[in-house]
Amino acid sequence: MSNWKSAKAKRVLAALERIGWSVKRHRGGSHKVLEHAEYPDYVFSFHDGDEVGPKMMARIAKKTGLKPEDL
């Protein structure tokens, strides 16, 4: 069972920004390239109101270092 729950993309992006990620560039309505000093760039491709499910949350966490308590 996953430790992750669904969350709105806006909340996930805010959590990523709190742990050191910043928007490097924004393209179109949903694609944002995020940068962090300790990780390779990550493309965050969700609209603010989108619901991000547990499986996708786990994938985002693997690439970004996000933890459930960061939300």
Protein backbone atom coordinates (compact mmCIF):
# COMPACT_ATOMS: atom_id res chain seq x y z
CA MET A 1 0.00 0.00 0.00
CA SER A 2 1.22 3.46 -0.87
CA ASN A 3 1.93 6.20 1.68
CA TRP A 4 0.67 8.72 -0.85
CA LYS A 5 -2.81 10.19 -1.11
CA SER A 6 -4.28 12.16 -4.00
CA ALA A 7 -3.58 15.89 -4.02
CA LYS A 8 -4.29 18.87 -6.24
CA ALA A 9 -1.43 19.77 -8.57
CA LYS A 10 -1.30 23.30 -7.14
CA ARG A 11 -0.62 21.86 -3.67
CA VAL A 12 2.05 19.49 -5.01
CA LEU A 13 3.82 22.33 -6.84
CA ALA A 14 3.74 24.49 -3.70
CA ALA A 15 5.27 21.63 -1.69
CA LEU A 16 8.02 21.21 -4.30
CA GLU A 17 8.79 24.92 -4.10
CA ARG A 18 9.01 24.70 -0.28
CA ILE A 19 11.66 21.95 -0.54
CA GLY A 20 13.85 23.95 -2.90
CA TRP A 21 12.45 23.50 -6.41
CA SER A 22 11.83 26.56 -8.58
CA VAL A 23 10.20 27.10 -11.96
CA LYS A 24 12.95 27.37 -14.56
CA ARG A 25 10.56 27.98 -17.45
CA HIS A 26 6.87 27.65 -18.19
CA ARG A 27 5.52 26.49 -21.52
CA GLY A 28 1.85 26.46 -22.45
CA GLY A 29 -0.94 25.88 -19.96
CA SER A 30 0.51 23.08 -17.91
CA HIS A 31 4.16 22.28 -18.62
CA LYS A 32 6.61 23.75 -16.14
CA VAL A 33 10.31 22.83 -16.04
CA LEU A 34 11.47 22.80 -12.44
CA GLU A 35 15.09 23.07 -11.31
CA HIS A 36 16.88 22.11 -8.10
CA ALA A 37 20.56 22.21 -7.19
CA GLU A 38 20.69 18.51 -6.20
CA TYR A 39 18.44 16.92 -8.85
CA PRO A 40 18.14 16.97 -12.64
CA ASP A 41 15.42 19.21 -14.08
CA TYR A 42 11.89 17.85 -13.77
CA VAL A 43 8.95 18.57 -16.09
CA PHE A 44 5.81 19.12 -14.02
CA SER A 45 2.94 18.78 -16.49
CA PHE A 46 -0.30 19.34 -14.61
CA HIS A 47 -2.88 22.12 -14.55
CA ASP A 48 -3.37 23.64 -11.07
CA GLY A 49 -6.79 22.06 -10.59
CA ASP A 50 -5.77 18.55 -11.70
CA GLU A 51 -5.94 15.76 -9.16
CA VAL A 52 -2.64 13.88 -8.91
CA GLY A 53 -3.24 10.28 -7.86
CA PRO A 54 -1.17 8.17 -5.45
CA LYS A 55 0.73 6.31 -8.17
CA MET A 56 1.79 9.53 -9.89
CA MET A 57 2.66 11.10 -6.52
CA ALA A 58 5.06 8.19 -5.89
CA ARG A 59 6.67 8.75 -9.31
CA ILE A 60 7.06 12.48 -8.66
CA ALA A 61 8.58 11.73 -5.25
CA LYS A 62 11.13 9.33 -6.76
CA LYS A 63 12.40 12.03 -9.14
CA THR A 64 12.16 15.05 -6.82
CA GLY A 65 12.75 13.92 -3.25
CA LEU A 66 9.22 14.88 -2.16
CA LYS A 67 7.95 13.14 1.00
CA PRO A 68 4.33 12.72 2.18
CA GLU A 69 4.98 15.02 5.14
CA ASP A 70 6.09 17.82 2.76
CA LEU A 71 2.49 18.23 1.60
